[in-house]
Amino acid sequence: MPNHVLMLAAVLFVDTPKRLLNLGLGGGVFERFFRTHLPGLIVTTVEKSPVVIRLARDCFDVQPDGVFALNLSPTIVVPAGASITRG
């Protein structure tokens, strides 16, 4: 999907990414990709639906190693209008 390519392109601008914040778990495509291709990357995923978290783990093999699927709304983690900088 074109939107997946654009989202993954951000990783190209960091020499050795150490941490990544992903808003929305879905089927865990990004989590599985990063576990395979960047095993040292710590991925924090924010998902507000406990059902989505359970389905991703049970049906799509999203494992909790380095992936933290939190039952939070993304607006709590990154408020609307927030400025995100590298640090």
PDB file of N, CA and C in Angstrom:
ATOM      1  N   MET A   1       0.840  -1.178   0.000  1.00  0.00           N
ATOM      2  CA  MET A   1       0.000   0.000   0.000  1.00  0.00           C
ATOM      3  C   MET A   1       0.889   1.248   0.000  1.00  0.00           C
ATOM      4  N   PRO A   2       0.537   2.240  -0.778  1.00  0.00           N
ATOM      5  CA  PRO A   2       1.366   3.451  -0.867  1.00  0.00           C
ATOM      6  C   PRO A   2       1.550   4.158   0.472  1.00  0.00           C
ATOM      7  N   ASN A   3       0.523   4.176   1.317  1.00  0.00           N
ATOM      8  CA  ASN A   3       0.664   4.873   2.601  1.00  0.00           C
ATOM      9  C   ASN A   3       1.669   4.164   3.500  1.00  0.00           C
ATOM     10  N   HIS A   4       1.789   2.842   3.408  1.00  0.00           N
ATOM     11  CA  HIS A   4       2.776   2.114   4.199  1.00  0.00           C
ATOM     12  C   HIS A   4       4.191   2.478   3.764  1.00  0.00           C
ATOM     13  N   VAL A   5       4.392   2.631   2.471  1.00  0.00           N
ATOM     14  CA  VAL A   5       5.719   2.999   1.960  1.00  0.00           C
ATOM     15  C   VAL A   5       6.112   4.370   2.484  1.00  0.00           C
ATOM     16  N   LEU A   6       5.186   5.315   2.461  1.00  0.00           N
ATOM     17  CA  LEU A   6       5.488   6.657   2.954  1.00  0.00           C
ATOM     18  C   LEU A   6       5.790   6.660   4.451  1.00  0.00           C
ATOM     19  N   MET A   7       5.050   5.874   5.219  1.00  0.00           N
ATOM     20  CA  MET A   7       5.298   5.838   6.662  1.00  0.00           C
ATOM     21  C   MET A   7       6.640   5.199   6.979  1.00  0.00           C
ATOM     22  N   LEU A   8       7.015   4.186   6.228  1.00  0.00           N
ATOM     23  CA  LEU A   8       8.307   3.540   6.453  1.00  0.00           C
ATOM     24  C   LEU A   8       9.469   4.397   5.976  1.00  0.00           C
ATOM     25  N   ALA A   9       9.218   5.324   5.049  1.00  0.00           N
ATOM     26  CA  ALA A   9      10.276   6.179   4.525  1.00  0.00           C
ATOM     27  C   ALA A   9      10.906   7.040   5.614  1.00  0.00           C
ATOM     28  N   ALA A  10      10.174   7.349   6.657  1.00  0.00           N
ATOM     29  CA  ALA A  10      10.723   8.175   7.741  1.00  0.00           C
ATOM     30  C   ALA A  10      11.928   7.516   8.390  1.00  0.00           C
ATOM     31  N   VAL A  11      11.962   6.200   8.404  1.00  0.00           N
ATOM     32  CA  VAL A  11      13.082   5.468   9.016  1.00  0.00           C
ATOM     33  C   VAL A  11      14.362   5.679   8.215  1.00  0.00           C
ATOM     34  N   LEU A  12      14.254   6.006   6.938  1.00  0.00           N
ATOM     35  CA  LEU A  12      15.435   6.218   6.096  1.00  0.00           C
ATOM     36  C   LEU A  12      16.254   7.427   6.524  1.00  0.00           C
ATOM     37  N   PHE A  13      15.655   8.365   7.232  1.00  0.00           N
ATOM     38  CA  PHE A  13      16.334   9.599   7.592  1.00  0.00           C
ATOM     39  C   PHE A  13      17.078   9.527   8.924  1.00  0.00           C
ATOM     40  N   VAL A  14      17.099   8.361   9.527  1.00  0.00           N
ATOM     41  CA  VAL A  14      17.800   8.159  10.793  1.00  0.00           C
ATOM     42  C   VAL A  14      18.826   7.062  10.563  1.00  0.00           C
ATOM     43  N   ASP A  15      20.104   7.335  10.912  1.00  0.00           N
ATOM     44  CA  ASP A  15      21.164   6.358  10.660  1.00  0.00           C
ATOM     45  C   ASP A  15      20.857   5.000  11.284  1.00  0.00           C
ATOM     46  N   THR A  16      20.689   4.982  12.575  1.00  0.00           N
ATOM     47  CA  THR A  16      20.350   3.750  13.281  1.00  0.00           C
ATOM     48  C   THR A  16      19.202   4.066  14.227  1.00  0.00           C
ATOM     49  N   PRO A  17      17.974   3.862  13.760  1.00  0.00           N
ATOM     50  CA  PRO A  17      16.847   4.187  14.637  1.00  0.00           C
ATOM     51  C   PRO A  17      16.854   3.302  15.879  1.00  0.00           C
ATOM     52  N   LYS A  18      16.564   3.917  17.013  1.00  0.00           N
ATOM     53  CA  LYS A  18      16.553   3.180  18.281  1.00  0.00           C
ATOM     54  C   LYS A  18      15.142   2.986  18.817  1.00  0.00           C
ATOM     55  N   ARG A  19      14.287   3.977  18.569  1.00  0.00           N
ATOM     56  CA  ARG A  19      12.917   3.925  19.095  1.00  0.00           C
ATOM     57  C   ARG A  19      11.959   4.435  18.034  1.00  0.00           C
ATOM     58  N   LEU A  20      10.738   3.889  18.081  1.00  0.00           N
ATOM     59  CA  LEU A  20       9.716   4.307  17.138  1.00  0.00           C
ATOM     60  C   LEU A  20       8.373   4.323  17.857  1.00  0.00           C
ATOM     61  N   LEU A  21       7.600   5.363  17.641  1.00  0.00           N
ATOM     62  CA  LEU A  21       6.251   5.463  18.194  1.00  0.00           C
ATOM     63  C   LEU A  21       5.268   5.242  17.060  1.00  0.00           C
ATOM     64  N   ASN A  22       4.430   4.239  17.206  1.00  0.00           N
ATOM     65  CA  ASN A  22       3.424   3.911  16.200  1.00  0.00           C
ATOM     66  C   ASN A  22       2.047   4.115  16.819  1.00  0.00           C
ATOM     67  N   LEU A  23       1.226   4.948  16.191  1.00  0.00           N
ATOM     68  CA  LEU A  23      -0.119   5.213  16.692  1.00  0.00           C
ATOM     69  C   LEU A  23      -1.110   4.358  15.915  1.00  0.00           C
ATOM     70  N   GLY A  24      -1.620   3.334  16.565  1.00  0.00           N
ATOM     71  CA  GLY A  24      -2.579   2.425  15.942  1.00  0.00           C
ATOM     72  C   GLY A  24      -1.922   1.105  15.579  1.00  0.00           C
ATOM     73  N   LEU A  25      -2.426   0.013  16.128  1.00  0.00           N
ATOM     74  CA  LEU A  25      -1.817  -1.299  15.919  1.00  0.00           C
ATOM     75  C   LEU A  25      -2.312  -2.002  14.674  1.00  0.00           C
ATOM     76  N   GLY A  26      -3.605  -1.966  14.434  1.00  0.00           N
ATOM     77  CA  GLY A  26      -4.152  -2.689  13.282  1.00  0.00           C
ATOM     78  C   GLY A  26      -3.776  -4.160  13.374  1.00  0.00           C
ATOM     79  N   GLY A  27      -3.318  -4.726  12.272  1.00  0.00           N
ATOM     80  CA  GLY A  27      -2.892  -6.123  12.255  1.00  0.00           C
ATOM     81  C   GLY A  27      -1.451  -6.325  12.639  1.00  0.00           C
ATOM     82  N   GLY A  28      -0.755  -5.255  13.014  1.00  0.00           N
ATOM     83  CA  GLY A  28       0.626  -5.375  13.465  1.00  0.00           C
ATOM     84  C   GLY A  28       1.642  -5.487  12.345  1.00  0.00           C
ATOM     85  N   VAL A  29       1.315  -4.975  11.159  1.00  0.00           N
ATOM     86  CA  VAL A  29       2.217  -5.063  10.007  1.00  0.00           C
ATOM     87  C   VAL A  29       3.553  -4.393  10.306  1.00  0.00           C
ATOM     88  N   PHE A  30       3.516  -3.183  10.848  1.00  0.00           N
ATOM     89  CA  PHE A  30       4.766  -2.470  11.132  1.00  0.00           C
ATOM     90  C   PHE A  30       5.567  -3.178  12.211  1.00  0.00           C
ATOM     91  N   GLU A  31       4.889  -3.655  13.222  1.00  0.00           N
ATOM     92  CA  GLU A  31       5.583  -4.331  14.317  1.00  0.00           C
ATOM     93  C   GLU A  31       6.310  -5.578  13.809  1.00  0.00           C
ATOM     94  N   ARG A  32       5.659  -6.359  12.969  1.00  0.00           N
ATOM     95  CA  ARG A  32       6.301  -7.551  12.412  1.00  0.00           C
ATOM     96  C   ARG A  32       7.447  -7.177  11.479  1.00  0.00           C
ATOM     97  N   PHE A  33       7.261  -6.133  10.669  1.00  0.00           N
ATOM     98  CA  PHE A  33       8.312  -5.688   9.762  1.00  0.00           C
ATOM     99  C   PHE A  33       9.556  -5.274  10.541  1.00  0.00           C
ATOM    100  N   PHE A  34       9.369  -4.437  11.570  1.00  0.00           N
ATOM    101  CA  PHE A  34      10.519  -3.954  12.330  1.00  0.00           C
ATOM    102  C   PHE A  34      11.170  -5.056  13.147  1.00  0.00           C
ATOM    103  N   ARG A  35      10.399  -6.001  13.652  1.00  0.00           N
ATOM    104  CA  ARG A  35      10.978  -7.120  14.404  1.00  0.00           C
ATOM    105  C   ARG A  35      11.889  -7.935  13.487  1.00  0.00           C
ATOM    106  N   THR A  36      11.511  -8.065  12.216  1.00  0.00           N
ATOM    107  CA  THR A  36      12.297  -8.835  11.260  1.00  0.00           C
ATOM    108  C   THR A  36      13.504  -8.061  10.747  1.00  0.00           C
ATOM    109  N   HIS A  37      13.301  -6.800  10.359  1.00  0.00           N
ATOM    110  CA  HIS A  37      14.341  -6.047   9.656  1.00  0.00           C
ATOM    111  C   HIS A  37      15.180  -5.134  10.545  1.00  0.00           C
ATOM    112  N   LEU A  38      14.675  -4.723  11.678  1.00  0.00           N
ATOM    113  CA  LEU A  38      15.420  -3.890  12.627  1.00  0.00           C
ATOM    114  C   LEU A  38      15.204  -4.446  14.031  1.00  0.00           C
ATOM    115  N   PRO A  39      15.770  -5.618  14.324  1.00  0.00           N
ATOM    116  CA  PRO A  39      15.471  -6.287  15.588  1.00  0.00           C
ATOM    117  C   PRO A  39      15.862  -5.498  16.838  1.00  0.00           C
ATOM    118  N   GLY A  40      16.780  -4.545  16.741  1.00  0.00           N
ATOM    119  CA  GLY A  40      17.175  -3.756  17.905  1.00  0.00           C
ATOM    120  C   GLY A  40      16.281  -2.558  18.167  1.00  0.00           C
ATOM    121  N   LEU A  41      15.359  -2.284  17.262  1.00  0.00           N
ATOM    122  CA  LEU A  41      14.482  -1.127  17.382  1.00  0.00           C
ATOM    123  C   LEU A  41      13.416  -1.379  18.442  1.00  0.00           C
ATOM    124  N   ILE A  42      13.229  -0.421  19.330  1.00  0.00           N
ATOM    125  CA  ILE A  42      12.170  -0.508  20.339  1.00  0.00           C
ATOM    126  C   ILE A  42      10.948   0.201  19.767  1.00  0.00           C
ATOM    127  N   VAL A  43       9.903  -0.557  19.546  1.00  0.00           N
ATOM    128  CA  VAL A  43       8.675  -0.011  18.983  1.00  0.00           C
ATOM    129  C   VAL A  43       7.640   0.106  20.088  1.00  0.00           C
ATOM    130  N   THR A  44       7.135   1.313  20.280  1.00  0.00           N
ATOM    131  CA  THR A  44       6.036   1.534  21.204  1.00  0.00           C
ATOM    132  C   THR A  44       4.796   1.808  20.371  1.00  0.00           C
ATOM    133  N   THR A  45       3.815   0.953  20.509  1.00  0.00           N
ATOM    134  CA  THR A  45       2.583   1.092  19.751  1.00  0.00           C
ATOM    135  C   THR A  45       1.457   1.480  20.694  1.00  0.00           C
ATOM    136  N   VAL A  46       0.724   2.503  20.319  1.00  0.00           N
ATOM    137  CA  VAL A  46      -0.409   2.960  21.115  1.00  0.00           C
ATOM    138  C   VAL A  46      -1.682   2.538  20.402  1.00  0.00           C
ATOM    139  N   GLU A  47      -2.471   1.749  21.091  1.00  0.00           N
ATOM    140  CA  GLU A  47      -3.748   1.276  20.541  1.00  0.00           C
ATOM    141  C   GLU A  47      -4.811   1.427  21.611  1.00  0.00           C
ATOM    142  N   LYS A  48      -5.944   2.027  21.253  1.00  0.00           N
ATOM    143  CA  LYS A  48      -6.979   2.269  22.257  1.00  0.00           C
ATOM    144  C   LYS A  48      -7.936   1.094  22.436  1.00  0.00           C
ATOM    145  N   SER A  49      -7.919   0.142  21.523  1.00  0.00           N
ATOM    146  CA  SER A  49      -8.867  -0.960  21.610  1.00  0.00           C
ATOM    147  C   SER A  49      -8.199  -2.237  22.123  1.00  0.00           C
ATOM    148  N   PRO A  50      -8.611  -2.734  23.298  1.00  0.00           N
ATOM    149  CA  PRO A  50      -8.052  -3.986  23.793  1.00  0.00           C
ATOM    150  C   PRO A  50      -8.390  -5.171  22.887  1.00  0.00           C
ATOM    151  N   VAL A  51      -9.482  -5.076  22.141  1.00  0.00           N
ATOM    152  CA  VAL A  51      -9.848  -6.146  21.211  1.00  0.00           C
ATOM    153  C   VAL A  51      -8.833  -6.218  20.064  1.00  0.00           C
ATOM    154  N   VAL A  52      -8.444  -5.072  19.538  1.00  0.00           N
ATOM    155  CA  VAL A  52      -7.447  -5.033  18.459  1.00  0.00           C
ATOM    156  C   VAL A  52      -6.116  -5.604  18.958  1.00  0.00           C
ATOM    157  N   ILE A  53      -5.729  -5.253  20.182  1.00  0.00           N
ATOM    158  CA  ILE A  53      -4.480  -5.772  20.754  1.00  0.00           C
ATOM    159  C   ILE A  53      -4.541  -7.297  20.850  1.00  0.00           C
ATOM    160  N   ARG A  54      -5.646  -7.809  21.363  1.00  0.00           N
ATOM    161  CA  ARG A  54      -5.786  -9.266  21.511  1.00  0.00           C
ATOM    162  C   ARG A  54      -5.786  -9.959  20.154  1.00  0.00           C
ATOM    163  N   LEU A  55      -6.523  -9.422  19.176  1.00  0.00           N
ATOM    164  CA  LEU A  55      -6.569 -10.026  17.847  1.00  0.00           C
ATOM    165  C   LEU A  55      -5.202  -9.995  17.161  1.00  0.00           C
ATOM    166  N   ALA A  56      -4.473  -8.894  17.316  1.00  0.00           N
ATOM    167  CA  ALA A  56      -3.140  -8.806  16.706  1.00  0.00           C
ATOM    168  C   ALA A  56      -2.212  -9.865  17.280  1.00  0.00           C
ATOM    169  N   ARG A  57      -2.307 -10.094  18.578  1.00  0.00           N
ATOM    170  CA  ARG A  57      -1.464 -11.112  19.212  1.00  0.00           C
ATOM    171  C   ARG A  57      -1.913 -12.522  18.861  1.00  0.00           C
ATOM    172  N   ASP A  58      -3.229 -12.756  18.895  1.00  0.00           N
ATOM    173  CA  ASP A  58      -3.755 -14.110  18.693  1.00  0.00           C
ATOM    174  C   ASP A  58      -3.797 -14.529  17.226  1.00  0.00           C
ATOM    175  N   CYS A  59      -4.130 -13.604  16.336  1.00  0.00           N
ATOM    176  CA  CYS A  59      -4.368 -13.964  14.932  1.00  0.00           C
ATOM    177  C   CYS A  59      -3.248 -13.556  13.974  1.00  0.00           C
ATOM    178  N   PHE A  60      -2.454 -12.547  14.341  1.00  0.00           N
ATOM    179  CA  PHE A  60      -1.454 -12.034  13.416  1.00  0.00           C
ATOM    180  C   PHE A  60      -0.032 -12.166  13.947  1.00  0.00           C
ATOM    181  N   ASP A  61       0.139 -12.927  15.008  1.00  0.00           N
ATOM    182  CA  ASP A  61       1.458 -13.235  15.562  1.00  0.00           C
ATOM    183  C   ASP A  61       2.253 -11.983  15.956  1.00  0.00           C
ATOM    184  N   VAL A  62       1.577 -10.958  16.467  1.00  0.00           N
ATOM    185  CA  VAL A  62       2.273  -9.792  16.995  1.00  0.00           C
ATOM    186  C   VAL A  62       2.722 -10.152  18.408  1.00  0.00           C
ATOM    187  N   GLN A  63       4.018 -10.272  18.588  1.00  0.00           N
ATOM    188  CA  GLN A  63       4.580 -10.690  19.864  1.00  0.00           C
ATOM    189  C   GLN A  63       4.989  -9.468  20.685  1.00  0.00           C
ATOM    190  N   PRO A  64       4.923  -9.574  22.011  1.00  0.00           N
ATOM    191  CA  PRO A  64       5.237  -8.422  22.860  1.00  0.00           C
ATOM    192  C   PRO A  64       6.728  -8.147  23.044  1.00  0.00           C
ATOM    193  N   ASP A  65       7.612  -8.848  22.333  1.00  0.00           N
ATOM    194  CA  ASP A  65       9.045  -8.599  22.497  1.00  0.00           C
ATOM    195  C   ASP A  65       9.427  -7.265  21.862  1.00  0.00           C
ATOM    196  N   GLY A  66       9.625  -6.263  22.689  1.00  0.00           N
ATOM    197  CA  GLY A  66       9.985  -4.939  22.192  1.00  0.00           C
ATOM    198  C   GLY A  66       8.794  -4.128  21.713  1.00  0.00           C
ATOM    199  N   VAL A  67       7.618  -4.710  21.695  1.00  0.00           N
ATOM    200  CA  VAL A  67       6.413  -4.020  21.251  1.00  0.00           C
ATOM    201  C   VAL A  67       5.494  -3.860  22.444  1.00  0.00           C
ATOM    202  N   PHE A  68       5.116  -2.642  22.722  1.00  0.00           N
ATOM    203  CA  PHE A  68       4.225  -2.388  23.841  1.00  0.00           C
ATOM    204  C   PHE A  68       2.910  -1.865  23.287  1.00  0.00           C
ATOM    205  N   ALA A  69       1.893  -2.695  23.282  1.00  0.00           N
ATOM    206  CA  ALA A  69       0.578  -2.288  22.810  1.00  0.00           C
ATOM    207  C   ALA A  69      -0.203  -1.772  24.011  1.00  0.00           C
ATOM    208  N   LEU A  70      -0.319  -0.482  24.098  1.00  0.00           N
ATOM    209  CA  LEU A  70      -0.951   0.146  25.249  1.00  0.00           C
ATOM    210  C   LEU A  70      -2.399   0.460  24.958  1.00  0.00           C
ATOM    211  N   ASN A  71      -3.235   0.281  25.932  1.00  0.00           N
ATOM    212  CA  ASN A  71      -4.654   0.566  25.787  1.00  0.00           C
ATOM    213  C   ASN A  71      -4.903   2.046  26.101  1.00  0.00           C
ATOM    214  N   LEU A  72      -4.426   2.911  25.202  1.00  0.00           N
ATOM    215  CA  LEU A  72      -4.564   4.355  25.365  1.00  0.00           C
ATOM    216  C   LEU A  72      -5.058   4.980  24.071  1.00  0.00           C
ATOM    217  N   SER A  73      -5.694   6.106  24.182  1.00  0.00           N
ATOM    218  CA  SER A  73      -6.060   6.870  23.001  1.00  0.00           C
ATOM    219  C   SER A  73      -4.819   7.619  22.511  1.00  0.00           C
ATOM    220  N   PRO A  74      -4.561   7.635  21.199  1.00  0.00           N
ATOM    221  CA  PRO A  74      -3.398   8.370  20.680  1.00  0.00           C
ATOM    222  C   PRO A  74      -3.386   9.842  21.060  1.00  0.00           C
ATOM    223  N   THR A  75      -4.560  10.448  21.293  1.00  0.00           N
ATOM    224  CA  THR A  75      -4.582  11.870  21.653  1.00  0.00           C
ATOM    225  C   THR A  75      -4.049  12.113  23.055  1.00  0.00           C
ATOM    226  N   ILE A  76      -4.013  11.082  23.889  1.00  0.00           N
ATOM    227  CA  ILE A  76      -3.394  11.221  25.214  1.00  0.00           C
ATOM    228  C   ILE A  76      -1.880  11.257  25.081  1.00  0.00           C
ATOM    229  N   VAL A  77      -1.355  10.448  24.177  1.00  0.00           N
ATOM    230  CA  VAL A  77       0.096  10.354  23.988  1.00  0.00           C
ATOM    231  C   VAL A  77       0.626  11.550  23.217  1.00  0.00           C
ATOM    232  N   VAL A  78      -0.049  11.911  22.137  1.00  0.00           N
ATOM    233  CA  VAL A  78       0.351  13.053  21.309  1.00  0.00           C
ATOM    234  C   VAL A  78      -0.876  13.953  21.164  1.00  0.00           C
ATOM    235  N   PRO A  79      -0.979  14.980  22.011  1.00  0.00           N
ATOM    236  CA  PRO A  79      -2.146  15.874  21.947  1.00  0.00           C
ATOM    237  C   PRO A  79      -2.251  16.568  20.588  1.00  0.00           C
ATOM    238  N   ALA A  80      -3.457  16.880  20.174  1.00  0.00           N
ATOM    239  CA  ALA A  80      -3.680  17.574  18.921  1.00  0.00           C
ATOM    240  C   ALA A  80      -2.862  18.852  18.876  1.00  0.00           C
ATOM    241  N   GLY A  81      -2.209  19.086  17.764  1.00  0.00           N
ATOM    242  CA  GLY A  81      -1.410  20.293  17.588  1.00  0.00           C
ATOM    243  C   GLY A  81      -0.034  20.225  18.209  1.00  0.00           C
ATOM    244  N   ALA A  82       0.350  19.083  18.769  1.00  0.00           N
ATOM    245  CA  ALA A  82       1.671  18.956  19.417  1.00  0.00           C
ATOM    246  C   ALA A  82       2.771  18.978  18.365  1.00  0.00           C
ATOM    247  N   SER A  83       3.893  19.495  18.758  1.00  0.00           N
ATOM    248  CA  SER A  83       5.071  19.501  17.894  1.00  0.00           C
ATOM    249  C   SER A  83       5.985  18.363  18.323  1.00  0.00           C
ATOM    250  N   ILE A  84       6.338  17.507  17.385  1.00  0.00           N
ATOM    251  CA  ILE A  84       7.216  16.375  17.696  1.00  0.00           C
ATOM    252  C   ILE A  84       8.585  16.649  17.096  1.00  0.00           C
ATOM    253  N   THR A  85       9.603  16.542  17.928  1.00  0.00           N
ATOM    254  CA  THR A  85      10.962  16.777  17.461  1.00  0.00           C
ATOM    255  C   THR A  85      11.827  15.572  17.754  1.00  0.00           C
ATOM    256  N   ARG A  86      12.950  15.479  17.046  1.00  0.00           N
ATOM    257  CA  ARG A  86      13.901  14.414  17.317  1.00  0.00           C
ATOM    258  C   ARG A  86      14.658  14.758  18.585  1.00  0.00           C
ATOM    259  N   GLY A  87      14.950  13.731  19.361  1.00  0.00           N
ATOM    260  CA  GLY A  87      15.689  14.013  20.574  1.00  0.00           C
ATOM    261  C   GLY A  87      16.338  12.821  21.166  1.00  0.00           C
TER     262      GLY A  87
END
